């Protein structure tokens, strides 16, 4: 079943994950008139959405009626769905894939909205009868309360493609669907440069802000943090080049400027560390460092950052810049 952008009344667009990325997408889909369903396990979050719909402030101002709230993915067996958008953390993707297995009808497109290296592999491995696509999400958001979100930035456009350039026609339709609902998206044949750009930027900014308890804006105002972030970007670019990906001729030089466009945004890694949760560092810094080992490219700053993040995860400590300061002095 291919997604249709002609008659949104025919079937549902299902969004899995009610965090900022998923909820902002669901709000835009719903606002455009598409039948939209949202699945999450957070009852408090869902109660807020049932009560007031989804409120999105910031870059876009939307207040939509509640989408259909799904408490079980068993509904996939009896409900017509044209596309499933997976907006969960990297370490939950395998669980989602297993939950979709034997419930999702063959041919229904699955779009991964999580950006990092190898995040798509569980979906590809488990959902072999479904087109798997990945969307590079270039908006950021924060949860302001149950059902309330702030879209802190949107660096247009997003990019979407099937894995290794597959399903170009489906990519074009889904790009059109997202663009028509207000989230400008472009279908591309080769997603690798865009995926590596997002991965490098996230690996550079997220652990620095997370360890120091900083926003992106405040991190970039600190000269030592800026130097560390630039070093992390440079290491990422060298690894990308070693594996045959060119993230852009001016990407390295403009990386800090790109990050500055996010303003006073707080990374999800900051939230995870502050709440004592496991982070997604394996799909960002660890993935870059692992490819560095494979290609003979040294990544000393990534290695140090990885160690500090794992130490913080293990001890479940809140923001504390003490250890980060030791790295900053060495940059």
Protein backbone atom coordinates (compact mmCIF):
# COMPACT_ATOMS: atom_id res chain seq x y z
CA UNK A 1 0.00 0.00 0.00
CA UNK A 2 1.50 3.27 -1.10
CA UNK A 3 0.98 6.51 0.82
CA UNK A 4 -1.53 8.83 -0.81
CA UNK A 5 -1.26 12.60 -0.80
CA UNK A 6 -4.54 12.97 -2.71
CA UNK A 7 -7.18 11.87 -0.19
CA UNK A 8 -6.06 11.97 3.45
CA UNK A 9 -9.42 10.46 4.50
CA UNK A 10 -8.54 7.04 3.11
CA UNK A 11 -6.13 5.92 5.81
CA UNK A 12 -4.13 6.96 8.84
CA UNK A 13 -0.63 8.31 9.16
CA UNK A 14 0.67 6.70 12.35
CA UNK A 15 3.33 8.45 14.43
CA UNK A 16 5.10 6.30 17.01
CA UNK A 17 6.60 8.45 19.76
CA UNK A 18 5.11 11.53 21.39
CA UNK A 19 8.37 13.34 22.08
CA UNK A 20 9.03 16.73 20.45
CA UNK A 21 9.90 15.34 16.99
CA UNK A 22 6.97 12.93 16.80
CA UNK A 23 4.38 15.23 18.33
CA UNK A 24 5.38 18.18 16.14
CA UNK A 25 5.05 15.95 13.07
CA UNK A 26 1.68 14.61 14.27
CA UNK A 27 0.43 18.16 14.85
CA UNK A 28 1.39 19.24 11.34
CA UNK A 29 -0.13 16.14 9.73
CA UNK A 30 -3.34 16.62 11.70
CA UNK A 31 -3.45 20.35 10.94
CA UNK A 32 -3.21 19.61 7.19
CA UNK A 33 -6.37 17.50 7.33
CA UNK A 34 -4.79 14.05 7.30
CA UNK A 35 -6.16 11.31 9.52
CA UNK A 36 -3.41 11.04 12.11
CA UNK A 37 -2.81 8.55 14.91
CA UNK A 38 -0.27 8.81 17.72
CA UNK A 39 1.11 5.92 19.74
CA UNK A 40 3.07 6.36 22.95
CA UNK A 41 3.32 4.61 26.31
CA UNK A 42 3.41 7.78 28.44
CA UNK A 43 -0.11 8.03 29.91
CA UNK A 44 0.45 11.54 31.30
CA UNK A 45 1.52 12.80 27.90
CA UNK A 46 -1.44 11.14 26.18
CA UNK A 47 -3.87 12.52 28.77
CA UNK A 48 -2.65 16.03 28.01
CA UNK A 49 -3.10 15.51 24.28
CA UNK A 50 -6.58 14.05 24.74
CA UNK A 51 -7.55 17.09 26.82
CA UNK A 52 -6.13 19.95 24.79
CA UNK A 53 -4.91 18.45 21.52
CA UNK A 54 -1.34 19.30 20.52
CA UNK A 55 -0.05 22.81 21.07
CA UNK A 56 3.12 23.78 19.17
CA UNK A 57 4.70 27.15 19.86
CA UNK A 58 7.87 28.76 18.57
CA UNK A 59 8.83 28.44 14.90
CA UNK A 60 5.30 27.35 14.00
CA UNK A 61 2.19 28.14 15.98
CA UNK A 62 -0.32 25.29 15.86
CA UNK A 63 -3.09 24.13 18.13
CA UNK A 64 -4.71 21.02 16.73
CA UNK A 65 -7.52 18.79 17.86
CA UNK A 66 -6.31 15.53 19.38
CA UNK A 67 -5.16 12.93 16.85
CA UNK A 68 -6.42 9.40 17.30
CA UNK A 69 -4.65 8.01 20.37
CA UNK A 70 -3.54 4.39 20.05
CA UNK A 71 -2.86 2.46 23.22
CA UNK A 72 -1.85 -0.68 21.33
CA UNK A 73 -0.18 -1.41 18.01
CA UNK A 74 -2.61 -4.32 17.62
CA UNK A 75 -4.81 -1.75 15.87
CA UNK A 76 -2.49 -2.04 12.87
CA UNK A 77 -4.10 -5.39 12.08
CA UNK A 78 -7.53 -3.84 11.55
CA UNK A 79 -6.80 -0.23 10.54
CA UNK A 80 -5.73 1.06 7.15
CA UNK A 81 -2.41 2.88 7.49
CA UNK A 82 -0.47 4.49 4.66
CA UNK A 83 2.75 5.27 6.52
CA UNK A 84 4.30 4.71 9.94
CA UNK A 85 6.66 7.40 11.26
CA UNK A 86 9.04 6.12 13.95
CA UNK A 87 10.10 8.95 16.26
CA UNK A 88 11.68 7.19 19.24
CA UNK A 89 15.18 7.18 20.70
CA UNK A 90 17.87 5.09 19.03
CA UNK A 91 17.90 2.51 21.81
CA UNK A 92 14.13 1.91 21.40
CA UNK A 93 14.08 1.36 17.64
CA UNK A 94 14.69 -2.40 17.84
CA UNK A 95 11.80 -2.75 20.29
CA UNK A 96 9.51 -0.79 17.94
CA UNK A 97 10.57 -2.95 15.01
CA UNK A 98 9.71 -6.12 16.92
CA UNK A 99 6.38 -4.61 17.94
CA UNK A 100 5.55 -3.83 14.30
CA UNK A 101 6.55 -7.30 13.11
CA UNK A 102 3.49 -9.47 12.36
CA UNK A 103 1.21 -6.47 12.92
CA UNK A 104 2.14 -4.13 10.10
CA UNK A 105 0.76 -5.10 6.69
CA UNK A 106 3.35 -5.78 3.95
CA UNK A 107 4.07 -2.79 1.75
CA UNK A 108 3.26 -0.09 4.30
CA UNK A 109 6.07 2.46 4.38
CA UNK A 110 8.05 2.95 7.58
CA UNK A 111 9.85 6.28 7.98
CA UNK A 112 12.58 6.59 10.59
CA UNK A 113 12.85 10.10 12.02
CA UNK A 114 15.81 9.33 14.27
CA UNK A 115 19.14 10.54 12.88
CA UNK A 116 22.36 8.73 13.68
CA UNK A 117 24.53 6.06 12.13
CA UNK A 118 23.06 2.53 11.89
CA UNK A 119 19.76 3.50 13.57
CA UNK A 120 17.84 2.02 10.64
CA UNK A 121 19.37 -1.46 10.89
CA UNK A 122 16.76 -3.03 13.24
CA UNK A 123 13.94 -1.87 10.96
CA UNK A 124 15.69 -3.18 7.84
CA UNK A 125 16.48 -6.50 9.49
CA UNK A 126 13.05 -7.16 11.00
CA UNK A 127 10.54 -5.49 8.64
CA UNK A 128 11.68 -7.10 5.41
CA UNK A 129 8.29 -6.78 3.69
CA UNK A 130 8.05 -3.03 4.16
CA UNK A 131 9.73 -0.07 2.45
CA UNK A 132 12.10 1.47 5.02
CA UNK A 133 12.93 5.15 4.60
CA UNK A 134 14.90 7.60 6.69
CA UNK A 135 14.17 11.29 7.12
CA UNK A 136 16.84 13.73 8.23
CA UNK A 137 14.88 15.94 10.61
CA UNK A 138 16.13 19.51 10.66
CA UNK A 139 13.78 20.88 13.28
CA UNK A 140 14.27 20.80 17.01
CA UNK A 141 11.80 20.96 19.84
CA UNK A 142 11.27 20.86 23.57
CA UNK A 143 8.43 19.48 25.63
CA UNK A 144 6.75 22.30 27.57
CA UNK A 145 4.18 20.06 29.27
CA UNK A 146 1.74 17.23 28.45
CA UNK A 147 0.57 18.04 24.93
CA UNK A 148 2.55 21.30 24.75
CA UNK A 149 5.75 21.70 22.71
CA UNK A 150 8.07 24.44 21.55
CA UNK A 151 9.58 24.16 18.07
CA UNK A 152 12.90 25.86 18.79
CA UNK A 153 14.25 25.90 15.24
CA UNK A 154 13.65 24.58 11.72
CA UNK A 155 16.56 24.66 9.28
CA UNK A 156 14.65 23.91 6.08
CA UNK A 157 14.43 21.51 4.36
CA UNK A 158 14.32 18.00 5.80
CA UNK A 159 15.64 15.23 3.56
CA UNK A 160 14.12 11.80 2.92
CA UNK A 161 15.21 8.70 1.04
CA UNK A 162 14.78 4.97 1.04
CA UNK A 163 17.69 3.02 2.46
CA UNK A 164 20.56 3.13 -0.06
CA UNK A 165 18.39 5.17 -2.44
CA UNK A 166 15.59 2.60 -2.68
CA UNK A 167 11.91 3.47 -3.21
CA UNK A 168 12.40 6.84 -4.95
CA UNK A 169 8.71 7.12 -5.87
CA UNK A 170 7.62 6.54 -2.27
CA UNK A 171 10.23 9.05 -1.07
CA UNK A 172 8.83 11.66 -3.45
CA UNK A 173 5.26 11.11 -2.21
CA UNK A 174 6.23 11.28 1.45
CA UNK A 175 8.34 14.40 0.86
CA UNK A 176 5.26 15.96 -0.73
CA UNK A 177 3.06 14.94 2.21
CA UNK A 178 5.45 16.46 4.77
CA UNK A 179 5.96 19.61 2.71
CA UNK A 180 2.23 20.16 2.23
CA UNK A 181 1.69 19.94 5.98
CA UNK A 182 4.25 22.70 6.57
CA UNK A 183 7.44 20.71 7.16
CA UNK A 184 9.36 21.33 3.94
CA UNK A 185 11.04 18.08 2.92
CA UNK A 186 13.09 17.10 -0.12
CA UNK A 187 13.46 13.59 -1.56
CA UNK A 188 17.08 12.76 -2.41
CA UNK A 189 18.78 9.78 -4.03
CA UNK A 190 21.78 9.80 -1.67
CA UNK A 191 21.04 10.50 1.98
CA UNK A 192 24.59 9.84 3.23
CA UNK A 193 25.95 13.43 3.11
CA UNK A 194 22.91 14.75 4.99
CA UNK A 195 22.97 11.91 7.51
CA UNK A 196 26.66 12.45 8.22
CA UNK A 197 26.19 16.23 8.61
CA UNK A 198 23.46 15.70 11.19
CA UNK A 199 25.44 12.98 12.96
CA UNK A 200 28.62 15.06 13.12
CA UNK A 201 26.79 18.13 14.41
CA UNK A 202 24.90 16.14 17.03
CA UNK A 203 28.06 14.32 18.16
CA UNK A 204 29.81 17.69 18.51
CA UNK A 205 27.17 19.62 20.42
CA UNK A 206 25.01 17.13 22.36
CA UNK A 207 27.61 15.68 24.78
CA UNK A 208 29.24 19.07 25.42
CA UNK A 209 25.91 20.67 26.32
CA UNK A 210 24.80 17.55 28.17
CA UNK A 211 27.89 17.22 30.34
CA UNK A 212 28.02 20.92 31.11
CA UNK A 213 24.29 21.46 31.56
CA UNK A 214 24.39 24.11 28.83
CA UNK A 215 22.14 25.26 26.03
CA UNK A 216 23.62 25.36 22.53
CA UNK A 217 23.77 29.15 22.66
CA UNK A 218 25.61 29.24 25.99
CA UNK A 219 28.06 26.53 24.89
CA UNK A 220 28.96 28.48 21.77
CA UNK A 221 29.53 31.65 23.79
CA UNK A 222 32.26 29.85 25.74
CA UNK A 223 35.51 29.98 23.75
CA UNK A 224 36.84 26.71 25.21
CA UNK A 225 33.58 24.90 24.44
CA UNK A 226 33.65 26.33 20.91
CA UNK A 227 37.15 24.97 20.39
CA UNK A 228 36.12 21.52 21.63
CA UNK A 229 33.01 21.49 19.46
CA UNK A 230 35.09 22.48 16.43
CA UNK A 231 37.60 19.70 17.20
CA UNK A 232 34.76 17.17 17.38
CA UNK A 233 33.40 18.42 14.06
CA UNK A 234 36.84 18.17 12.44
CA UNK A 235 37.30 14.59 13.65
CA UNK A 236 33.86 13.68 12.32
CA UNK A 237 34.60 15.21 8.92
CA UNK A 238 37.88 13.29 8.67
CA UNK A 239 36.11 10.02 9.46
CA UNK A 240 33.34 10.78 6.95
CA UNK A 241 35.93 11.43 4.26
CA UNK A 242 37.71 8.18 5.14
CA UNK A 243 34.52 6.18 4.56
CA UNK A 244 33.88 7.97 1.26
CA UNK A 245 31.30 10.57 2.27
CA UNK A 246 31.71 14.27 1.55
CA UNK A 247 29.48 16.20 3.96
CA UNK A 248 30.01 19.38 1.94
CA UNK A 249 32.95 21.53 0.88
CA UNK A 250 32.18 24.31 3.38
CA UNK A 251 30.53 22.15 6.03
CA UNK A 252 33.44 22.06 8.47
CA UNK A 253 34.02 25.81 8.25
CA UNK A 254 30.34 26.64 8.69
CA UNK A 255 29.48 24.05 11.37
CA UNK A 256 29.51 26.47 14.30
CA UNK A 257 27.37 28.92 12.35
CA UNK A 258 24.86 26.13 11.62
CA UNK A 259 24.75 25.17 15.29
CA UNK A 260 24.29 28.79 16.32
CA UNK A 261 21.07 28.79 14.34
CA UNK A 262 19.56 26.49 16.97
CA UNK A 263 19.71 29.32 19.50
CA UNK A 264 18.81 28.54 23.09
CA UNK A 265 17.93 24.91 22.36
CA UNK A 266 18.61 22.14 24.90
CA UNK A 267 19.77 18.84 23.42
CA UNK A 268 17.99 15.58 24.23
CA UNK A 269 21.29 14.29 25.65
CA UNK A 270 21.18 17.12 28.19
CA UNK A 271 17.74 15.97 29.24
CA UNK A 272 18.76 12.32 29.37
CA UNK A 273 21.81 12.98 31.53
CA UNK A 274 19.90 15.32 33.81
CA UNK A 275 17.26 12.63 34.37
CA UNK A 276 19.75 9.77 34.79
CA UNK A 277 18.69 8.02 31.58
CA UNK A 278 20.78 6.16 29.03
CA UNK A 279 21.82 8.45 26.18
CA UNK A 280 22.03 7.83 22.43
CA UNK A 281 25.78 8.33 22.26
CA UNK A 282 26.26 4.91 20.62
CA UNK A 283 24.64 6.19 17.40
CA UNK A 284 26.68 9.38 17.30
CA UNK A 285 30.10 9.67 18.96
CA UNK A 286 30.62 5.92 19.33
CA UNK A 287 29.58 5.25 15.73
CA UNK A 288 32.03 7.90 14.47
CA UNK A 289 34.84 6.60 16.68
CA UNK A 290 34.23 3.01 15.57
CA UNK A 291 34.49 4.00 11.92
CA UNK A 292 37.61 5.95 12.81
CA UNK A 293 39.19 2.74 14.14
CA UNK A 294 38.15 0.88 10.98
CA UNK A 295 39.68 3.49 8.69
CA UNK A 296 42.73 4.42 10.78
CA UNK A 297 41.49 7.93 11.65
CA UNK A 298 42.22 9.01 15.23
CA UNK A 299 39.33 10.53 17.20
CA UNK A 300 40.82 11.48 20.60
CA UNK A 301 38.18 14.06 21.52
CA UNK A 302 35.35 11.66 20.71
CA UNK A 303 37.05 8.98 22.79
CA UNK A 304 37.33 11.29 25.80
CA UNK A 305 33.74 12.50 25.48
CA UNK A 306 32.45 8.92 25.21
CA UNK A 307 34.22 7.99 28.44
CA UNK A 308 32.76 10.96 30.32
CA UNK A 309 29.21 10.33 29.10
CA UNK A 310 29.35 6.67 30.08
CA UNK A 311 30.73 7.61 33.49
CA UNK A 312 27.85 10.04 33.97
CA UNK A 313 25.33 7.42 32.82
CA UNK A 314 26.74 4.85 35.22
CA UNK A 315 26.71 7.18 38.20
CA UNK A 316 23.39 8.78 37.21
CA UNK A 317 24.66 12.21 38.04
CA UNK A 318 23.12 15.49 36.94
CA UNK A 319 24.95 18.23 35.02
CA UNK A 320 28.47 18.80 36.34
CA UNK A 321 31.11 20.57 34.29
CA UNK A 322 34.06 19.40 36.41
CA UNK A 323 35.13 16.54 34.14
CA UNK A 324 34.27 18.47 31.00
CA UNK A 325 36.57 21.26 32.15
CA UNK A 326 39.48 18.81 32.19
CA UNK A 327 38.93 18.11 28.48
CA UNK A 328 38.45 21.79 27.70
CA UNK A 329 41.86 22.59 29.18
CA UNK A 330 43.49 20.08 26.84
CA UNK A 331 41.94 21.42 23.64
